[in-house]
Amino acid sequence: MVPDKLINEFVRRLHTAAGEHLESIVLYGSAAAGDVREDISDVNLMFVLRTTSFPLLRAIAPPVNWW
């Protein structure tokens, strides 16, 4: 089962930290395909930023470390 609550919390935290610089967040892999095996599957997320700078990377570090 995909932990929707945790994914939603990460999305919220990342959106708060990155603001308008966040372009998208993509769930991929077994979780996206519905083939999750709780004992071995990871939840794969990729996010795309419109721009990068050291201040922005510092800002998103807390939600990334939390994830």
Protein backbone atom coordinates (compact mmCIF):
# COMPACT_ATOMS: atom_id res chain seq x y z
CA MET A 1 0.00 0.00 0.00
CA VAL A 2 1.32 3.46 -0.89
CA PRO A 3 1.47 5.65 2.20
CA ASP A 4 -0.70 8.46 0.79
CA LYS A 5 -0.57 10.44 4.02
CA LEU A 6 3.24 10.55 3.96
CA ILE A 7 3.39 11.41 0.26
CA ASN A 8 0.88 14.23 0.76
CA GLU A 9 2.89 15.55 3.70
CA PHE A 10 6.09 15.55 1.63
CA VAL A 11 4.33 17.36 -1.22
CA ARG A 12 2.99 19.95 1.23
CA ARG A 13 6.39 20.52 2.82
CA LEU A 14 8.20 20.70 -0.50
CA HIS A 15 5.63 23.09 -1.99
CA THR A 16 5.90 25.32 1.08
CA ALA A 17 9.70 25.37 0.84
CA ALA A 18 10.07 25.73 -2.94
CA GLY A 19 7.01 27.84 -3.72
CA GLU A 20 6.76 28.92 -7.34
CA HIS A 21 10.06 27.19 -8.13
CA LEU A 22 8.41 23.76 -7.87
CA GLU A 23 7.35 22.58 -11.32
CA SER A 24 6.12 19.05 -10.62
CA ILE A 25 6.34 16.00 -8.41
CA VAL A 26 6.11 12.55 -10.00
CA LEU A 27 5.40 9.22 -8.34
CA TYR A 28 7.01 6.41 -10.31
CA GLY A 29 8.00 2.78 -9.95
CA SER A 30 6.01 0.00 -8.36
CA ALA A 31 3.91 2.38 -6.25
CA ALA A 32 2.70 4.19 -9.35
CA ALA A 33 2.01 0.91 -11.12
CA GLY A 34 0.07 -0.47 -8.16
CA ASP A 35 2.54 -3.33 -7.69
CA VAL A 36 3.82 -2.35 -4.24
CA ARG A 37 5.18 -5.09 -2.03
CA GLU A 38 5.39 -3.70 1.49
CA ASP A 39 8.35 -5.89 2.40
CA ILE A 40 10.64 -4.76 -0.47
CA SER A 41 9.16 -1.84 -2.42
CA ASP A 42 10.36 1.73 -2.16
CA VAL A 43 8.18 4.76 -2.83
CA ASN A 44 9.90 6.64 -5.63
CA LEU A 45 9.28 10.37 -6.01
CA MET A 46 10.98 12.78 -8.38
CA PHE A 47 10.52 16.51 -8.27
CA VAL A 48 11.42 19.12 -10.86
CA LEU A 49 12.37 22.67 -9.99
CA ARG A 50 12.07 25.57 -12.45
CA THR A 51 15.38 26.95 -11.26
CA THR A 52 18.11 26.09 -8.81
CA SER A 53 20.18 28.28 -6.57
CA PHE A 54 21.98 27.69 -3.31
CA PRO A 55 19.27 29.51 -1.32
CA LEU A 56 16.55 27.37 -2.93
CA LEU A 57 18.50 24.16 -2.34
CA ARG A 58 18.94 25.18 1.31
CA ALA A 59 15.22 25.88 1.54
CA ILE A 60 14.21 22.44 0.23
CA ALA A 61 16.79 20.54 2.30
CA PRO A 62 14.51 20.10 5.35
CA PRO A 63 11.63 18.42 3.48
CA VAL A 64 14.06 16.29 1.46
CA ASN A 65 15.85 15.18 4.63
CA TRP A 66 12.47 14.47 6.25
CA TRP A 67 11.49 12.23 3.33
